Protein backbone atom coordinates (compact mmCIF):
# COMPACT_ATOMS: atom_id res chain seq x y z
CA UNK A 1 47.57 -65.61 5.18
CA UNK A 2 47.00 -68.09 2.35
CA UNK A 3 44.16 -70.47 3.16
CA UNK A 4 43.10 -73.51 1.15
CA UNK A 5 44.95 -75.33 -1.61
CA UNK A 6 48.51 -74.52 -2.68
CA UNK A 7 49.70 -76.66 -5.58
CA UNK A 8 53.28 -77.91 -5.49
CA UNK A 9 53.57 -77.47 -9.23
CA UNK A 10 55.37 -79.93 -11.50
CA UNK A 11 57.95 -78.57 -13.91
CA UNK A 12 56.78 -79.47 -17.45
CA UNK A 13 59.40 -80.69 -19.91
CA UNK A 14 59.13 -80.97 -23.68
CA UNK A 15 60.06 -84.03 -25.73
CA UNK A 16 63.73 -83.03 -25.70
CA UNK A 17 63.76 -82.68 -21.93
CA UNK A 18 63.86 -78.88 -21.89
CA UNK A 19 61.66 -76.84 -19.59
CA UNK A 20 58.42 -76.15 -21.45
CA UNK A 21 57.70 -72.56 -20.45
CA UNK A 22 54.65 -72.32 -22.71
CA UNK A 23 53.11 -75.30 -20.95
CA UNK A 24 54.09 -73.79 -17.58
CA UNK A 25 52.05 -70.69 -18.43
CA UNK A 26 49.09 -72.87 -19.44
CA UNK A 27 49.23 -74.79 -16.16
CA UNK A 28 49.29 -71.58 -14.13
CA UNK A 29 46.20 -70.28 -15.90
CA UNK A 30 44.44 -73.63 -15.50
CA UNK A 31 45.07 -73.59 -11.74
CA UNK A 32 43.71 -70.08 -11.45
CA UNK A 33 40.51 -71.15 -13.21
CA UNK A 34 40.26 -74.36 -11.16
CA UNK A 35 40.25 -72.51 -7.83
CA UNK A 36 43.79 -73.16 -6.59
CA UNK A 37 44.69 -70.58 -3.93
CA UNK A 38 48.45 -70.28 -4.53
CA UNK A 39 51.18 -71.85 -6.65
CA UNK A 40 54.51 -73.15 -5.35
CA UNK A 41 57.27 -73.39 -7.96
CA UNK A 42 60.69 -75.04 -7.60
CA UNK A 43 59.55 -77.43 -4.89
CA UNK A 44 60.30 -81.12 -4.58
CA UNK A 45 57.54 -81.85 -7.09
CA UNK A 46 59.16 -79.33 -9.44
CA UNK A 47 62.40 -81.40 -9.58
CA UNK A 48 64.44 -78.39 -8.50
CA UNK A 49 67.70 -80.32 -7.85
CA UNK A 50 67.71 -81.32 -11.54
CA UNK A 51 67.25 -77.75 -12.80
CA UNK A 52 70.04 -75.33 -13.63
CA UNK A 53 70.15 -71.99 -11.82
CA UNK A 54 69.18 -70.27 -15.07
CA UNK A 55 66.15 -72.55 -15.45
CA UNK A 56 65.10 -71.94 -11.86
CA UNK A 57 65.29 -68.18 -12.36
CA UNK A 58 63.29 -68.36 -15.57
CA UNK A 59 60.60 -70.52 -13.97
CA UNK A 60 60.12 -67.94 -11.20
CA UNK A 61 60.13 -65.11 -13.72
CA UNK A 62 57.59 -66.89 -15.94
CA UNK A 63 55.29 -67.77 -13.02
CA UNK A 64 55.29 -64.21 -11.66
CA UNK A 65 54.70 -62.73 -15.10
CA UNK A 66 51.90 -65.13 -16.03
CA UNK A 67 50.11 -64.90 -12.69
CA UNK A 68 50.13 -61.11 -12.98
CA UNK A 69 48.92 -60.74 -9.40
CA UNK A 70 45.92 -63.05 -9.92
CA UNK A 71 47.31 -65.76 -7.63
CA UNK A 72 50.19 -65.76 -5.12
CA UNK A 73 53.45 -67.30 -6.34
CA UNK A 74 55.61 -68.99 -3.73
CA UNK A 75 59.18 -69.71 -4.80
CA UNK A 76 61.39 -72.29 -3.12
CA UNK A 77 64.68 -70.61 -2.26
CA UNK A 78 65.91 -73.06 0.38
CA UNK A 79 68.99 -75.23 0.51
CA UNK A 80 71.77 -76.36 2.80
CA UNK A 81 74.04 -73.37 2.10
CA UNK A 82 72.76 -70.34 4.00
CA UNK A 83 74.47 -67.72 1.84
CA UNK A 84 73.18 -69.27 -1.38
CA UNK A 85 69.68 -69.53 0.07
CA UNK A 86 69.85 -65.90 1.13
CA UNK A 87 70.98 -64.79 -2.34
CA UNK A 88 68.15 -66.75 -3.98
CA UNK A 89 65.61 -65.36 -1.54
CA UNK A 90 66.61 -61.77 -2.25
CA UNK A 91 66.65 -62.44 -6.01
CA UNK A 92 63.19 -64.07 -6.05
CA UNK A 93 61.73 -61.25 -3.98
CA UNK A 94 63.07 -58.75 -6.52
CA UNK A 95 61.55 -60.86 -9.31
CA UNK A 96 58.14 -60.43 -7.71
CA UNK A 97 57.56 -63.67 -5.80
CA UNK A 98 54.87 -63.23 -3.17
CA UNK A 99 56.42 -65.59 -0.63
CA UNK A 100 59.32 -68.01 -0.17
CA UNK A 101 59.57 -71.65 0.86
CA UNK A 102 62.75 -72.44 2.79
CA UNK A 103 63.58 -76.06 3.57
CA UNK A 104 65.38 -77.19 6.71
CA UNK A 105 69.05 -77.58 5.73
CA UNK A 106 69.69 -81.15 4.63
CA UNK A 107 72.88 -83.22 4.99
CA UNK A 108 74.53 -80.63 7.26
CA UNK A 109 72.07 -81.58 10.07
CA UNK A 110 72.41 -78.24 11.94
CA UNK A 111 72.11 -77.94 15.70
CA UNK A 112 69.50 -75.66 17.30
CA UNK A 113 71.54 -72.47 17.09
CA UNK A 114 72.50 -73.14 13.49
CA UNK A 115 68.91 -73.90 12.50
CA UNK A 116 67.65 -70.69 14.09
CA UNK A 117 70.35 -68.53 12.54
CA UNK A 118 69.83 -70.07 9.10
CA UNK A 119 66.21 -68.96 9.03
CA UNK A 120 66.84 -65.65 10.80
CA UNK A 121 69.57 -64.74 8.31
CA UNK A 122 67.11 -65.09 5.44
CA UNK A 123 64.11 -63.59 7.23
CA UNK A 124 66.07 -60.52 8.33
CA UNK A 125 66.95 -59.68 4.72
CA UNK A 126 63.66 -60.05 2.87
CA UNK A 127 60.30 -58.34 3.15
CA UNK A 128 57.97 -61.12 2.00
CA UNK A 129 56.61 -64.08 3.98
CA UNK A 130 58.77 -67.15 4.52
CA UNK A 131 57.34 -70.63 4.97
CA UNK A 132 59.50 -73.25 6.67
CA UNK A 133 59.55 -76.64 4.92
CA UNK A 134 59.85 -79.62 7.25
CA UNK A 135 60.29 -82.90 5.37
CA UNK A 136 62.56 -85.22 7.40
CA UNK A 137 62.20 -88.16 4.99
CA UNK A 138 64.06 -86.04 2.41
CA UNK A 139 66.40 -84.03 4.63
CA UNK A 140 67.35 -86.43 7.41
CA UNK A 141 66.40 -83.87 10.06
CA UNK A 142 63.14 -82.83 11.70
CA UNK A 143 62.90 -79.28 13.00
CA UNK A 144 61.53 -79.40 16.55
CA UNK A 145 58.20 -77.76 17.44
CA UNK A 146 60.09 -75.62 19.96
CA UNK A 147 62.42 -74.19 17.29
CA UNK A 148 59.46 -73.56 14.97
CA UNK A 149 57.72 -71.71 17.80
CA UNK A 150 60.76 -69.45 18.25
CA UNK A 151 60.98 -68.80 14.51
CA UNK A 152 57.25 -68.08 14.31
CA UNK A 153 57.77 -64.90 16.34
CA UNK A 154 59.80 -63.34 13.52
CA UNK A 155 57.63 -60.92 11.55
CA UNK A 156 58.62 -62.43 8.18
CA UNK A 157 58.26 -66.13 9.07
CA UNK A 158 54.61 -66.81 8.36
CA UNK A 159 54.10 -70.56 8.46
CA UNK A 160 55.31 -74.09 7.87
CA UNK A 161 54.77 -76.76 5.25
CA UNK A 162 54.70 -79.78 7.53
CA UNK A 163 55.52 -83.01 5.71
CA UNK A 164 56.75 -85.31 8.45
CA UNK A 165 53.53 -87.33 8.33
CA UNK A 166 53.50 -87.27 12.14
CA UNK A 167 50.13 -86.06 13.39
CA UNK A 168 51.39 -85.87 16.97
CA UNK A 169 54.08 -83.43 15.78
CA UNK A 170 51.37 -81.10 14.48
CA UNK A 171 49.44 -81.40 17.75
CA UNK A 172 52.54 -80.34 19.73
CA UNK A 173 53.27 -77.52 17.31
CA UNK A 174 49.70 -76.21 17.39
CA UNK A 175 49.96 -75.73 21.15
CA UNK A 176 53.05 -73.53 20.78
CA UNK A 177 52.16 -71.12 17.97
CA UNK A 178 49.85 -68.12 17.61
CA UNK A 179 46.94 -67.83 15.20
CA UNK A 180 48.92 -65.66 12.77
CA UNK A 181 51.35 -68.52 12.03
CA UNK A 182 50.00 -70.98 9.44
CA UNK A 183 50.48 -74.73 9.24
CA UNK A 184 50.02 -76.40 5.84
CA UNK A 185 49.73 -80.13 5.32
CA UNK A 186 52.57 -81.46 3.18
CA UNK A 187 51.01 -84.93 3.00
CA UNK A 188 47.93 -85.30 0.80
CA UNK A 189 46.64 -88.33 2.70
CA UNK A 190 46.20 -86.50 6.03
CA UNK A 191 45.21 -82.99 5.00
CA UNK A 192 41.81 -83.08 6.71
CA UNK A 193 43.32 -84.59 9.85
CA UNK A 194 45.84 -81.75 10.06
CA UNK A 195 43.16 -79.15 9.39
CA UNK A 196 41.28 -80.53 12.38
CA UNK A 197 44.26 -79.37 14.46
CA UNK A 198 44.38 -75.93 12.94
CA UNK A 199 46.13 -76.27 9.59
CA UNK A 200 45.16 -73.53 7.13
CA UNK A 201 45.25 -75.85 4.13
CA UNK A 202 47.61 -77.95 2.08
CA UNK A 203 50.63 -77.78 -0.18
CA UNK A 204 49.48 -80.52 -2.50
CA UNK A 205 50.94 -82.89 -5.09
CA UNK A 206 47.45 -84.28 -5.81
CA UNK A 207 46.32 -80.77 -6.82
CA UNK A 208 48.41 -81.07 -9.99
CA UNK A 209 45.86 -83.62 -11.21
CA UNK A 210 42.58 -82.57 -9.55
CA UNK A 211 42.93 -78.99 -8.31
CA UNK A 212 39.18 -78.44 -8.05
CA UNK A 213 38.75 -81.42 -5.70
CA UNK A 214 41.63 -80.38 -3.45
CA UNK A 215 40.34 -76.81 -3.30
CA UNK A 216 36.79 -77.95 -2.53
CA UNK A 217 38.04 -80.27 0.21
CA UNK A 218 40.14 -77.60 1.90
CA UNK A 219 37.51 -74.89 1.65
CA UNK A 220 34.74 -77.21 2.82
CA UNK A 221 36.70 -77.70 6.02
CA UNK A 222 37.48 -74.00 6.37
CA UNK A 223 33.77 -73.21 5.86
CA UNK A 224 32.75 -75.64 8.59
CA UNK A 225 31.53 -78.50 6.39
CA UNK A 226 33.84 -81.10 7.90
CA UNK A 227 31.75 -84.01 6.63
CA UNK A 228 32.14 -82.89 3.02
CA UNK A 229 35.89 -82.44 3.50
CA UNK A 230 36.21 -85.88 5.05
CA UNK A 231 34.18 -87.46 2.26
CA UNK A 232 36.45 -86.02 -0.44
CA UNK A 233 39.60 -87.01 1.47
CA UNK A 234 38.48 -90.61 1.86
CA UNK A 235 36.95 -90.93 -1.61
CA UNK A 236 40.31 -90.23 -3.24
CA UNK A 237 42.58 -91.88 -0.67
CA UNK A 238 43.50 -94.81 -2.95
CA UNK A 239 44.48 -92.38 -5.70
CA UNK A 240 46.46 -90.21 -3.27
CA UNK A 241 48.37 -93.23 -1.97
CA UNK A 242 49.12 -94.34 -5.54
CA UNK A 243 50.63 -90.92 -6.30
CA UNK A 244 53.40 -91.85 -3.87
CA UNK A 245 53.94 -95.46 -4.95
CA UNK A 246 57.36 -94.31 -6.18
CA UNK A 247 59.44 -91.22 -5.55
CA UNK A 248 57.53 -88.00 -6.14
CA UNK A 249 57.08 -86.61 -8.81
CA UNK A 250 57.44 -89.77 -10.91
CA UNK A 251 53.85 -91.02 -10.35
CA UNK A 252 52.09 -87.65 -10.58
CA UNK A 253 53.76 -86.79 -13.87
CA UNK A 254 52.98 -90.26 -15.23
CA UNK A 255 49.25 -90.02 -14.49
CA UNK A 256 49.10 -86.41 -15.72
CA UNK A 257 50.52 -87.58 -19.03
CA UNK A 258 48.00 -90.42 -19.12
CA UNK A 259 45.30 -87.77 -18.78
CA UNK A 260 46.73 -85.80 -21.71
CA UNK A 261 48.20 -83.02 -19.58
CA UNK A 262 51.58 -83.03 -21.40
CA UNK A 263 54.09 -82.45 -18.62
CA UNK A 264 56.84 -84.73 -19.91
CA UNK A 265 58.93 -87.20 -17.97
CA UNK A 266 61.30 -86.70 -15.07
CA UNK A 267 64.96 -85.81 -15.33
CA UNK A 268 67.64 -88.16 -14.10
CA UNK A 269 68.37 -89.36 -11.51
CA UNK A 270 64.60 -90.01 -11.42
CA UNK A 271 63.74 -92.83 -13.79
CA UNK A 272 60.43 -93.82 -15.42
CA UNK A 273 57.58 -95.46 -13.52
CA UNK A 274 57.69 -99.26 -13.25
CA UNK A 275 55.32 -101.21 -15.49
CA UNK A 276 53.42 -102.61 -12.47
CA UNK A 277 52.80 -99.18 -10.99
CA UNK A 278 51.94 -97.82 -14.42
CA UNK A 279 49.11 -100.35 -14.66
CA UNK A 280 47.78 -99.25 -11.27
CA UNK A 281 47.84 -95.59 -12.26
CA UNK A 282 46.26 -96.34 -15.64
CA UNK A 283 43.34 -98.03 -13.88
CA UNK A 284 42.93 -95.03 -11.55
CA UNK A 285 43.13 -92.63 -14.49
CA UNK A 286 40.35 -94.60 -16.21
CA UNK A 287 38.26 -94.37 -13.03
CA UNK A 288 38.59 -90.58 -13.07
CA UNK A 289 37.28 -90.55 -16.64
CA UNK A 290 34.13 -92.34 -15.42
CA UNK A 291 33.22 -89.61 -12.93
């Protein structure tokens, strides 16, 4: 079980818009030294839909090689085509990924039997943990707590990244699952709230910018210091909200670049940050410098 802070890592691009694998290696090492507990590559924040299959494979290969067993690497292998997701899952396991993130199939909007079989098909054919990814704002479908509970009984389905933003959903889910199935907050603004209902930590966009703070917040809660966790959550709430002023990962990459972290822009169809939101993020970046 991974507990604490999992960064949903950005994909760094160079000035020509190519994946910057050297910078990717540097970011992985930085997260290890900053106390991040695991790294997710090829997630939403990693702009996976805009990456070629060859780039996706190389990102997983680079992350596994650079981590060298020092930190778990979770690779997103999900999609809305079950056979393609299965093939990716098997491939990433062979590459050395420690776990897989599998999103609920989008656009297709599967019924209950289809949803179950999608995840079972993948879980039956790999030997590493699978984390379900529930993000209805992106997919147009919310996997029910009852289906998650059924899936949680499979030996290879280890948890869920829950990004619906619905706290009552997590409360219902927590009543239906066992302690060996992990819930991770997929929304940076309510991580502590979800941990109060049993979440094991967070899969965080904010951690790209301030991994030490996210790790300290999550581990403070896990260690029983709920007041410290709450204080960190609320202290940075304005910043967290600003990181989602436009479609992720446009704001996080913009503020990372402001801080000299050299991650490049976003690939189309994601455009640059608006000038108004850039001013807001610049002010927040300046505030971080004053700490």
